[in-house]
Amino acid sequence: MRARDTRSAIRDAAIRLIATKGFDQTSLREVADEVGITKASLYYHYASKADLLVAIVGPVLDEIGSIATALDETSFTEDDVRPMLGRYIASLVRHRETGVLFVRDAIPIMNAIGDRFPEVLRINERMRTWLAGPHPTVEQQLRAAATLEVLGIALTSNELVPEASVEEVERVLLDVAMSVLRADHS
């Protein structure tokens, strides 16, 4: 097995085990056994359980971080909100298998990736601020925060409604998010 394939197999096995057993209850020995490699080989690819976790959640944070960063170059207009939320939802749906770990095991995972936790807060704040619009009222700020909470359902959509297609999840969540954000325009 090539190094890249082994790294992917390790990540995939860790995601399955952590989703099933939890972060604290999953050992690197179990991950290695699941992949069919030695624990020493696993350590060759990932120096620690925390390093493995960062490799798992890093792509999610990087992708939603790039969406949030793009907001700096996107003026806030009503026409820009729906496409931006669509990109954000699509990103969350793409990372559902990983994202569910945040929902199920948030505290141990945030503790393990502690140095990236401030980044998570900055991403959320940047998105909330943009969604609230320029010179937001208290209501607009609360609606922006609630909208992001609603979109978090994308991370567990496979478990909540396993028969829902990706297209259905994206369409329904976008419609719900827009109604939460802009209920005053209905």
N, C-alpha and C. Protein backbone atom coordinates (compact mmCIF):
# COMPACT_ATOMS: atom_id res chain seq x y z
N MET A 1 0.86 -1.19 0.00
CA MET A 1 0.00 0.00 0.00
C MET A 1 0.89 1.24 0.00
N ARG A 2 0.56 2.19 -0.86
CA ARG A 2 1.33 3.44 -0.92
C ARG A 2 1.07 4.27 0.33
N ALA A 3 2.01 5.17 0.65
CA ALA A 3 1.91 5.99 1.87
C ALA A 3 0.62 6.82 1.88
N ARG A 4 0.28 7.40 0.73
CA ARG A 4 -0.94 8.22 0.66
C ARG A 4 -2.18 7.36 0.90
N ASP A 5 -2.21 6.16 0.30
CA ASP A 5 -3.32 5.24 0.51
C ASP A 5 -3.40 4.80 1.97
N THR A 6 -2.25 4.55 2.58
CA THR A 6 -2.22 4.14 3.98
C THR A 6 -2.74 5.27 4.86
N ARG A 7 -2.29 6.47 4.59
CA ARG A 7 -2.77 7.62 5.38
C ARG A 7 -4.29 7.76 5.25
N SER A 8 -4.81 7.61 4.05
CA SER A 8 -6.27 7.69 3.83
C SER A 8 -6.99 6.56 4.55
N ALA A 9 -6.44 5.37 4.48
CA ALA A 9 -7.06 4.22 5.15
C ALA A 9 -7.07 4.43 6.67
N ILE A 10 -6.00 4.99 7.19
CA ILE A 10 -5.93 5.28 8.63
C ILE A 10 -6.99 6.32 9.00
N ARG A 11 -7.07 7.38 8.23
CA ARG A 11 -8.08 8.42 8.50
C ARG A 11 -9.48 7.84 8.45
N ASP A 12 -9.77 7.06 7.40
CA ASP A 12 -11.12 6.48 7.24
C ASP A 12 -11.46 5.55 8.40
N ALA A 13 -10.52 4.73 8.80
CA ALA A 13 -10.75 3.81 9.93
C ALA A 13 -10.96 4.59 11.22
N ALA A 14 -10.17 5.62 11.42
CA ALA A 14 -10.30 6.44 12.63
C ALA A 14 -11.67 7.13 12.66
N ILE A 15 -12.12 7.64 11.55
CA ILE A 15 -13.44 8.28 11.49
C ILE A 15 -14.52 7.28 11.88
N ARG A 16 -14.47 6.08 11.29
CA ARG A 16 -15.49 5.06 11.61
C ARG A 16 -15.47 4.70 13.10
N LEU A 17 -14.28 4.47 13.63
CA LEU A 17 -14.17 4.05 15.03
C LEU A 17 -14.57 5.17 15.99
N ILE A 18 -14.11 6.38 15.72
CA ILE A 18 -14.45 7.50 16.61
C ILE A 18 -15.95 7.79 16.55
N ALA A 19 -16.54 7.70 15.36
CA ALA A 19 -17.98 7.93 15.24
C ALA A 19 -18.77 6.88 16.01
N THR A 20 -18.24 5.68 16.07
CA THR A 20 -18.93 4.59 16.76
C THR A 20 -18.66 4.59 18.27
N LYS A 21 -17.39 4.72 18.64
CA LYS A 21 -16.99 4.54 20.04
C LYS A 21 -16.72 5.84 20.79
N GLY A 22 -16.44 6.90 20.07
CA GLY A 22 -16.04 8.14 20.70
C GLY A 22 -14.53 8.30 20.62
N PHE A 23 -14.08 9.56 20.70
CA PHE A 23 -12.65 9.86 20.57
C PHE A 23 -11.83 9.26 21.71
N ASP A 24 -12.27 9.50 22.93
CA ASP A 24 -11.51 9.03 24.09
C ASP A 24 -11.45 7.50 24.15
N GLN A 25 -12.50 6.83 23.67
CA GLN A 25 -12.55 5.37 23.76
C GLN A 25 -11.89 4.65 22.59
N THR A 26 -11.47 5.40 21.60
CA THR A 26 -10.82 4.80 20.43
C THR A 26 -9.31 4.86 20.61
N SER A 27 -8.66 3.71 20.50
CA SER A 27 -7.21 3.68 20.66
C SER A 27 -6.54 3.61 19.28
N LEU A 28 -5.29 4.04 19.25
CA LEU A 28 -4.53 3.94 18.00
C LEU A 28 -4.30 2.48 17.63
N ARG A 29 -4.20 1.61 18.62
CA ARG A 29 -4.06 0.17 18.36
C ARG A 29 -5.28 -0.33 17.56
N GLU A 30 -6.48 0.10 17.96
CA GLU A 30 -7.69 -0.31 17.25
C GLU A 30 -7.69 0.22 15.82
N VAL A 31 -7.25 1.44 15.65
CA VAL A 31 -7.19 2.01 14.30
C VAL A 31 -6.21 1.21 13.45
N ALA A 32 -5.04 0.93 14.00
CA ALA A 32 -4.02 0.15 13.26
C ALA A 32 -4.57 -1.23 12.90
N ASP A 33 -5.23 -1.88 13.85
CA ASP A 33 -5.81 -3.20 13.59
C ASP A 33 -6.86 -3.14 12.48
N GLU A 34 -7.68 -2.11 12.52
CA GLU A 34 -8.73 -1.94 11.52
C GLU A 34 -8.14 -1.81 10.11
N VAL A 35 -7.00 -1.13 10.01
CA VAL A 35 -6.34 -0.91 8.72
C VAL A 35 -5.51 -2.12 8.30
N GLY A 36 -5.10 -2.93 9.30
CA GLY A 36 -4.25 -4.08 9.02
C GLY A 36 -2.78 -3.73 8.98
N ILE A 37 -2.40 -2.75 9.80
CA ILE A 37 -1.00 -2.35 9.91
C ILE A 37 -0.59 -2.42 11.38
N THR A 38 0.70 -2.30 11.61
CA THR A 38 1.18 -2.29 12.99
C THR A 38 0.99 -0.89 13.58
N LYS A 39 0.99 -0.85 14.89
CA LYS A 39 0.89 0.44 15.56
C LYS A 39 2.10 1.30 15.22
N ALA A 40 3.26 0.68 15.08
CA ALA A 40 4.48 1.41 14.71
C ALA A 40 4.32 2.05 13.33
N SER A 41 3.69 1.32 12.41
CA SER A 41 3.44 1.87 11.08
C SER A 41 2.49 3.06 11.15
N LEU A 42 1.48 2.96 12.01
CA LEU A 42 0.56 4.07 12.18
C LEU A 42 1.31 5.30 12.68
N TYR A 43 2.22 5.09 13.65
CA TYR A 43 3.00 6.21 14.18
C TYR A 43 3.93 6.82 13.13
N TYR A 44 4.30 6.04 12.13
CA TYR A 44 5.10 6.58 11.04
C TYR A 44 4.31 7.66 10.30
N HIS A 45 3.00 7.44 10.15
CA HIS A 45 2.14 8.36 9.43
C HIS A 45 1.59 9.48 10.31
N TYR A 46 1.28 9.16 11.56
CA TYR A 46 0.71 10.13 12.50
C TYR A 46 1.40 9.94 13.84
N ALA A 47 2.06 10.97 14.32
CA ALA A 47 2.87 10.87 15.54
C ALA A 47 2.04 10.67 16.80
N SER A 48 0.76 11.07 16.75
CA SER A 48 -0.08 10.95 17.95
C SER A 48 -1.54 10.90 17.53
N LYS A 49 -2.36 10.59 18.50
CA LYS A 49 -3.81 10.58 18.26
C LYS A 49 -4.29 11.99 17.90
N ALA A 50 -3.73 12.99 18.54
CA ALA A 50 -4.10 14.38 18.23
C ALA A 50 -3.70 14.74 16.80
N ASP A 51 -2.53 14.29 16.35
CA ASP A 51 -2.10 14.55 14.96
C ASP A 51 -3.07 13.90 13.97
N LEU A 52 -3.50 12.69 14.29
CA LEU A 52 -4.46 11.99 13.44
C LEU A 52 -5.78 12.77 13.40
N LEU A 53 -6.21 13.25 14.54
CA LEU A 53 -7.46 14.01 14.59
C LEU A 53 -7.36 15.30 13.79
N VAL A 54 -6.25 15.98 13.88
CA VAL A 54 -6.05 17.21 13.10
C VAL A 54 -6.09 16.89 11.61
N ALA A 55 -5.53 15.75 11.21
CA ALA A 55 -5.58 15.35 9.80
C ALA A 55 -7.01 15.04 9.36
N ILE A 56 -7.84 14.61 10.31
CA ILE A 56 -9.23 14.30 9.99
C ILE A 56 -10.06 15.58 9.88
N VAL A 57 -9.94 16.46 10.85
CA VAL A 57 -10.80 17.65 10.88
C VAL A 57 -10.20 18.84 10.13
N GLY A 58 -8.91 18.81 9.89
CA GLY A 58 -8.25 19.91 9.19
C GLY A 58 -8.89 20.27 7.86
N PRO A 59 -9.17 19.30 6.99
CA PRO A 59 -9.78 19.65 5.71
C PRO A 59 -11.15 20.33 5.85
N VAL A 60 -11.92 19.94 6.86
CA VAL A 60 -13.21 20.59 7.09
C VAL A 60 -12.99 22.05 7.47
N LEU A 61 -12.10 22.27 8.43
CA LEU A 61 -11.82 23.63 8.89
C LEU A 61 -11.23 24.47 7.77
N ASP A 62 -10.35 23.87 6.97
CA ASP A 62 -9.75 24.60 5.86
C ASP A 62 -10.80 25.03 4.84
N GLU A 63 -11.72 24.13 4.51
CA GLU A 63 -12.72 24.46 3.49
C GLU A 63 -13.71 25.52 3.98
N ILE A 64 -14.23 25.35 5.20
CA ILE A 64 -15.18 26.37 5.68
C ILE A 64 -14.44 27.67 5.99
N GLY A 65 -13.17 27.56 6.36
CA GLY A 65 -12.36 28.76 6.57
C GLY A 65 -12.17 29.53 5.28
N SER A 66 -12.01 28.83 4.17
CA SER A 66 -11.84 29.53 2.89
C SER A 66 -13.15 30.20 2.47
N ILE A 67 -14.27 29.59 2.80
CA ILE A 67 -15.57 30.22 2.51
C ILE A 67 -15.71 31.50 3.34
N ALA A 68 -15.36 31.41 4.62
CA ALA A 68 -15.44 32.58 5.50
C ALA A 68 -14.48 33.68 5.05
N THR A 69 -13.28 33.31 4.63
CA THR A 69 -12.30 34.28 4.16
C THR A 69 -12.78 34.99 2.90
N ALA A 70 -13.45 34.25 2.04
CA ALA A 70 -13.97 34.84 0.80
C ALA A 70 -15.01 35.93 1.08
N LEU A 71 -15.60 35.90 2.27
CA LEU A 71 -16.59 36.92 2.61
C LEU A 71 -15.96 38.31 2.68
N ASP A 72 -14.65 38.37 2.97
CA ASP A 72 -13.96 39.66 3.00
C ASP A 72 -14.01 40.34 1.64
N GLU A 73 -14.12 39.55 0.59
CA GLU A 73 -14.14 40.07 -0.77
C GLU A 73 -15.54 40.11 -1.36
N THR A 74 -16.53 39.72 -0.55
CA THR A 74 -17.91 39.67 -1.02
C THR A 74 -18.72 40.73 -0.31
N SER A 75 -19.20 41.69 -1.07
CA SER A 75 -20.03 42.71 -0.44
C SER A 75 -21.35 42.07 -0.04
N PHE A 76 -21.91 42.54 1.04
CA PHE A 76 -23.16 41.97 1.53
C PHE A 76 -24.32 42.56 0.74
N THR A 77 -24.97 41.71 -0.03
CA THR A 77 -26.22 42.08 -0.69
C THR A 77 -27.16 40.90 -0.54
N GLU A 78 -28.44 41.17 -0.62
CA GLU A 78 -29.43 40.09 -0.53
C GLU A 78 -29.17 39.02 -1.59
N ASP A 79 -28.70 39.42 -2.76
CA ASP A 79 -28.43 38.47 -3.85
C ASP A 79 -27.24 37.57 -3.56
N ASP A 80 -26.33 37.99 -2.68
CA ASP A 80 -25.14 37.20 -2.37
C ASP A 80 -25.36 36.19 -1.25
N VAL A 81 -26.40 36.38 -0.45
CA VAL A 81 -26.60 35.53 0.72
C VAL A 81 -26.89 34.09 0.34
N ARG A 82 -27.85 33.88 -0.51
CA ARG A 82 -28.25 32.50 -0.87
C ARG A 82 -27.08 31.71 -1.50
N PRO A 83 -26.35 32.26 -2.48
CA PRO A 83 -25.22 31.49 -3.03
C PRO A 83 -24.14 31.18 -1.98
N MET A 84 -23.87 32.13 -1.09
CA MET A 84 -22.86 31.87 -0.06
C MET A 84 -23.33 30.75 0.86
N LEU A 85 -24.58 30.81 1.30
CA LEU A 85 -25.10 29.74 2.15
C LEU A 85 -25.10 28.40 1.42
N GLY A 86 -25.38 28.43 0.13
CA GLY A 86 -25.33 27.20 -0.67
C GLY A 86 -23.95 26.58 -0.68
N ARG A 87 -22.92 27.42 -0.84
CA ARG A 87 -21.54 26.91 -0.80
C ARG A 87 -21.21 26.33 0.57
N TYR A 88 -21.63 27.02 1.60
CA TYR A 88 -21.37 26.58 2.98
C TYR A 88 -22.06 25.24 3.25
N ILE A 89 -23.31 25.12 2.87
CA ILE A 89 -24.05 23.86 3.07
C ILE A 89 -23.39 22.73 2.29
N ALA A 90 -23.04 22.98 1.04
CA ALA A 90 -22.40 21.95 0.21
C ALA A 90 -21.10 21.48 0.86
N SER A 91 -20.36 22.41 1.45
CA SER A 91 -19.12 22.05 2.13
C SER A 91 -19.41 21.15 3.34
N LEU A 92 -20.39 21.53 4.12
CA LEU A 92 -20.74 20.72 5.30
C LEU A 92 -21.21 19.33 4.88
N VAL A 93 -22.01 19.26 3.84
CA VAL A 93 -22.53 17.97 3.38
C VAL A 93 -21.38 17.10 2.87
N ARG A 94 -20.42 17.70 2.18
CA ARG A 94 -19.25 16.95 1.69
C ARG A 94 -18.47 16.32 2.83
N HIS A 95 -18.51 16.96 3.99
CA HIS A 95 -17.72 16.50 5.13
C HIS A 95 -18.59 15.89 6.24
N ARG A 96 -19.75 15.35 5.88
CA ARG A 96 -20.66 14.80 6.88
C ARG A 96 -20.04 13.71 7.74
N GLU A 97 -19.28 12.83 7.11
CA GLU A 97 -18.70 11.72 7.88
C GLU A 97 -17.75 12.24 8.95
N THR A 98 -17.01 13.26 8.64
CA THR A 98 -16.10 13.87 9.60
C THR A 98 -16.84 14.81 10.54
N GLY A 99 -17.74 15.57 9.99
CA GLY A 99 -18.46 16.56 10.78
C GLY A 99 -19.25 15.99 11.92
N VAL A 100 -19.76 14.78 11.73
CA VAL A 100 -20.55 14.17 12.80
C VAL A 100 -19.70 13.97 14.06
N LEU A 101 -18.40 13.86 13.91
CA LEU A 101 -17.52 13.72 15.07
C LEU A 101 -17.60 14.96 15.96
N PHE A 102 -17.69 16.14 15.33
CA PHE A 102 -17.81 17.39 16.09
C PHE A 102 -19.09 17.38 16.93
N VAL A 103 -20.15 16.86 16.35
CA VAL A 103 -21.44 16.87 17.01
C VAL A 103 -21.48 15.86 18.15
N ARG A 104 -20.99 14.67 17.89
CA ARG A 104 -21.06 13.59 18.88
C ARG A 104 -20.04 13.72 20.00
N ASP A 105 -18.89 14.21 19.67
CA ASP A 105 -17.76 14.17 20.60
C ASP A 105 -17.08 15.53 20.68
N ALA A 106 -17.85 16.58 20.73
CA ALA A 106 -17.33 17.95 20.58
C ALA A 106 -16.25 18.30 21.59
N ILE A 107 -16.48 18.07 22.86
CA ILE A 107 -15.53 18.52 23.88
C ILE A 107 -14.19 17.79 23.77
N PRO A 108 -14.15 16.46 23.72
CA PRO A 108 -12.83 15.82 23.57
C PRO A 108 -12.12 16.21 22.28
N ILE A 109 -12.89 16.39 21.22
CA ILE A 109 -12.27 16.76 19.94
C ILE A 109 -11.74 18.18 20.01
N MET A 110 -12.50 19.09 20.56
CA MET A 110 -12.02 20.47 20.68
C MET A 110 -10.80 20.54 21.60
N ASN A 111 -10.78 19.73 22.64
CA ASN A 111 -9.60 19.67 23.52
C ASN A 111 -8.39 19.14 22.76
N ALA A 112 -8.60 18.14 21.92
CA ALA A 112 -7.49 17.52 21.19
C ALA A 112 -6.92 18.45 20.12
N ILE A 113 -7.78 19.27 19.53
CA ILE A 113 -7.31 20.19 18.49
C ILE A 113 -7.29 21.61 19.02
N GLY A 114 -7.02 21.75 20.29
CA GLY A 114 -7.09 23.03 20.98
C GLY A 114 -6.46 24.20 20.25
N ASP A 115 -5.34 23.99 19.60
CA ASP A 115 -4.68 25.10 18.93
C ASP A 115 -5.46 25.59 17.71
N ARG A 116 -6.38 24.78 17.20
CA ARG A 116 -7.20 25.22 16.06
C ARG A 116 -8.57 25.71 16.50
N PHE A 117 -8.91 25.52 17.79
CA PHE A 117 -10.22 25.93 18.29
C PHE A 117 -10.48 27.42 18.08
N PRO A 118 -9.51 28.31 18.34
CA PRO A 118 -9.77 29.73 18.07
C PRO A 118 -10.14 29.99 16.61
N GLU A 119 -9.58 29.19 15.71
CA GLU A 119 -9.91 29.33 14.28
C GLU A 119 -11.39 29.00 14.05
N VAL A 120 -11.89 27.97 14.72
CA VAL A 120 -13.30 27.61 14.60
C VAL A 120 -14.18 28.78 15.05
N LEU A 121 -13.81 29.39 16.16
CA LEU A 121 -14.57 30.53 16.67
C LEU A 121 -14.52 31.71 15.70
N ARG A 122 -13.34 31.96 15.12
CA ARG A 122 -13.20 33.07 14.16
C ARG A 122 -14.04 32.83 12.90
N ILE A 123 -14.04 31.60 12.42
CA ILE A 123 -14.84 31.27 11.24
C ILE A 123 -16.32 31.53 11.53
N ASN A 124 -16.77 31.03 12.66
CA ASN A 124 -18.17 31.21 13.03
C ASN A 124 -18.52 32.69 13.19
N GLU A 125 -17.64 33.43 13.83
CA GLU A 125 -17.89 34.86 14.02
C GLU A 125 -17.92 35.61 12.69
N ARG A 126 -17.01 35.28 11.82
CA ARG A 126 -16.94 35.94 10.51
C ARG A 126 -18.22 35.66 9.71
N MET A 127 -18.68 34.42 9.75
CA MET A 127 -19.90 34.06 9.03
C MET A 127 -21.11 34.76 9.65
N ARG A 128 -21.22 34.74 10.96
CA ARG A 128 -22.34 35.38 11.64
C ARG A 128 -22.40 36.87 11.34
N THR A 129 -21.24 37.50 11.42
CA THR A 129 -21.17 38.94 11.18
C THR A 129 -21.61 39.29 9.76
N TRP A 130 -21.13 38.52 8.81
CA TRP A 130 -21.49 38.78 7.42
C TRP A 130 -22.99 38.55 7.20
N LEU A 131 -23.51 37.43 7.72
CA LEU A 131 -24.92 37.11 7.54
C LEU A 131 -25.85 38.14 8.18
N ALA A 132 -25.41 38.74 9.27
CA ALA A 132 -26.23 39.75 9.94
C ALA A 132 -26.35 41.02 9.11
N GLY A 133 -25.39 41.23 8.23
CA GLY A 133 -25.43 42.39 7.35
C GLY A 133 -24.81 43.63 8.00
N PRO A 134 -24.69 44.69 7.21
CA PRO A 134 -24.11 45.93 7.74
C PRO A 134 -25.06 46.58 8.76
N HIS A 135 -24.50 47.09 9.81
CA HIS A 135 -25.25 47.78 10.86
C HIS A 135 -26.45 46.95 11.34
N PRO A 136 -26.19 45.72 11.80
CA PRO A 136 -27.30 44.83 12.13
C PRO A 136 -28.01 45.20 13.42
N THR A 137 -29.28 44.89 13.44
CA THR A 137 -30.06 45.02 14.66
C THR A 137 -29.79 43.78 15.51
N VAL A 138 -30.27 43.80 16.73
CA VAL A 138 -30.15 42.62 17.60
C VAL A 138 -30.85 41.44 16.95
N GLU A 139 -32.02 41.67 16.38
CA GLU A 139 -32.75 40.59 15.72
C GLU A 139 -31.94 39.99 14.57
N GLN A 140 -31.33 40.82 13.75
CA GLN A 140 -30.53 40.32 12.63
C GLN A 140 -29.33 39.50 13.12
N GLN A 141 -28.72 39.94 14.21
CA GLN A 141 -27.60 39.19 14.77
C GLN A 141 -28.05 37.82 15.28
N LEU A 142 -29.20 37.79 15.95
CA LEU A 142 -29.73 36.52 16.46
C LEU A 142 -30.13 35.60 15.31
N ARG A 143 -30.73 36.16 14.29
CA ARG A 143 -31.12 35.35 13.12
C ARG A 143 -29.88 34.78 12.42
N ALA A 144 -28.82 35.56 12.32
CA ALA A 144 -27.59 35.06 11.70
C ALA A 144 -27.01 33.89 12.51
N ALA A 145 -26.99 34.03 13.83
CA ALA A 145 -26.48 32.95 14.68
C ALA A 145 -27.37 31.71 14.56
N ALA A 146 -28.69 31.90 14.56
CA ALA A 146 -29.62 30.78 14.44
C ALA A 146 -29.48 30.09 13.09
N THR A 147 -29.23 30.86 12.05
CA THR A 147 -29.05 30.29 10.71
C THR A 147 -27.88 29.33 10.69
N LEU A 148 -26.77 29.72 11.29
CA LEU A 148 -25.60 28.83 11.32
C LEU A 148 -25.88 27.57 12.13
N GLU A 149 -26.64 27.71 13.20
CA GLU A 149 -27.01 26.53 14.00
C GLU A 149 -27.86 25.57 13.17
N VAL A 150 -28.82 26.11 12.42
CA VAL A 150 -29.66 25.27 11.57
C VAL A 150 -28.79 24.51 10.57
N LEU A 151 -27.81 25.18 10.00
CA LEU A 151 -26.98 24.55 8.98
C LEU A 151 -26.11 23.43 9.54
N GLY A 152 -25.87 23.46 10.84
CA GLY A 152 -25.10 22.38 11.46
C GLY A 152 -25.76 21.02 11.29
N ILE A 153 -27.06 21.00 11.03
CA ILE A 153 -27.77 19.74 10.80
C ILE A 153 -27.19 19.01 9.59
N ALA A 154 -26.60 19.73 8.67
CA ALA A 154 -25.98 19.09 7.51
C ALA A 154 -24.96 18.05 7.94
N LEU A 155 -24.30 18.29 9.08
CA LEU A 155 -23.26 17.38 9.55
C LEU A 155 -23.81 16.04 10.02
N THR A 156 -25.06 16.02 10.45
CA THR A 156 -25.65 14.76 10.93
C THR A 156 -26.80 14.29 10.05
N SER A 157 -26.95 14.87 8.89
CA SER A 157 -28.08 14.54 8.02
C SER A 157 -28.11 13.07 7.62
N ASN A 158 -26.96 12.42 7.46
CA ASN A 158 -26.93 11.00 7.13
C ASN A 158 -27.61 10.16 8.21
N GLU A 159 -27.41 10.55 9.45
CA GLU A 159 -27.98 9.79 10.56
C GLU A 159 -29.43 10.17 10.83
N LEU A 160 -29.74 11.46 10.70
CA LEU A 160 -31.10 11.92 10.99
C LEU A 160 -32.10 11.44 9.94
N VAL A 161 -31.71 11.57 8.67
CA VAL A 161 -32.59 11.19 7.56
C VAL A 161 -31.73 10.46 6.52
N PRO A 162 -31.39 9.20 6.78
CA PRO A 162 -30.47 8.49 5.89
C PRO A 162 -30.96 8.36 4.45
N GLU A 163 -32.27 8.40 4.25
CA GLU A 163 -32.79 8.25 2.88
C GLU A 163 -32.74 9.54 2.07
N ALA A 164 -32.39 10.66 2.70
CA ALA A 164 -32.33 11.94 1.99
C ALA A 164 -31.11 11.98 1.07
N SER A 165 -31.34 12.42 -0.15
CA SER A 165 -30.23 12.57 -1.09
C SER A 165 -29.45 13.84 -0.74
N VAL A 166 -28.26 13.94 -1.26
CA VAL A 166 -27.44 15.14 -1.06
C VAL A 166 -28.21 16.36 -1.56
N GLU A 167 -28.82 16.23 -2.72
CA GLU A 167 -29.57 17.36 -3.30
C GLU A 167 -30.71 17.79 -2.38
N GLU A 168 -31.42 16.81 -1.80
CA GLU A 168 -32.53 17.16 -0.90
C GLU A 168 -32.03 17.86 0.36
N VAL A 169 -30.95 17.34 0.93
CA VAL A 169 -30.39 17.95 2.13
C VAL A 169 -29.99 19.39 1.84
N GLU A 170 -29.28 19.60 0.75
CA GLU A 170 -28.83 20.95 0.39
C GLU A 170 -30.00 21.88 0.13
N ARG A 171 -30.99 21.43 -0.63
CA ARG A 171 -32.15 22.27 -0.97
C ARG A 171 -32.97 22.63 0.27
N VAL A 172 -33.30 21.63 1.07
CA VAL A 172 -34.14 21.88 2.24
C VAL A 172 -33.42 22.76 3.25
N LEU A 173 -32.16 22.46 3.54
CA LEU A 173 -31.44 23.27 4.52
C LEU A 173 -31.25 24.71 4.03
N LEU A 174 -31.03 24.89 2.75
CA LEU A 174 -30.89 26.24 2.22
C LEU A 174 -32.21 27.01 2.37
N ASP A 175 -33.31 26.35 2.06
CA ASP A 175 -34.62 27.00 2.21
C ASP A 175 -34.90 27.35 3.67
N VAL A 176 -34.61 26.41 4.58
CA VAL A 176 -34.85 26.65 6.00
C VAL A 176 -33.94 27.77 6.51
N ALA A 177 -32.68 27.72 6.11
CA ALA A 177 -31.73 28.76 6.55
C ALA A 177 -32.19 30.14 6.09
N MET A 178 -32.62 30.23 4.85
CA MET A 178 -33.09 31.52 4.34
C MET A 178 -34.33 31.99 5.09
N SER A 179 -35.21 31.06 5.45
CA SER A 179 -36.41 31.48 6.16
C SER A 179 -36.07 31.92 7.59
N VAL A 180 -35.08 31.30 8.21
CA VAL A 180 -34.66 31.73 9.54
C VAL A 180 -33.98 33.10 9.46
N LEU A 181 -33.13 33.25 8.49
CA LEU A 181 -32.39 34.49 8.33
C LEU A 181 -33.28 35.66 7.94
N ARG A 182 -34.23 35.42 7.09
CA ARG A 182 -35.03 36.50 6.51
C ARG A 182 -36.52 36.35 6.75
N ALA A 183 -36.92 35.80 7.86
CA ALA A 183 -38.35 35.60 8.15
C ALA A 183 -39.12 36.91 8.09
N ASP A 184 -38.43 38.01 8.39
CA ASP A 184 -39.11 39.31 8.36
C ASP A 184 -39.46 39.76 6.95
N HIS A 185 -38.98 39.03 5.92
CA HIS A 185 -39.25 39.40 4.53
C HIS A 185 -40.31 38.50 3.92
N SER A 186 -40.88 37.63 4.73
CA SER A 186 -41.86 36.67 4.19
C SER A 186 -43.18 37.33 3.90
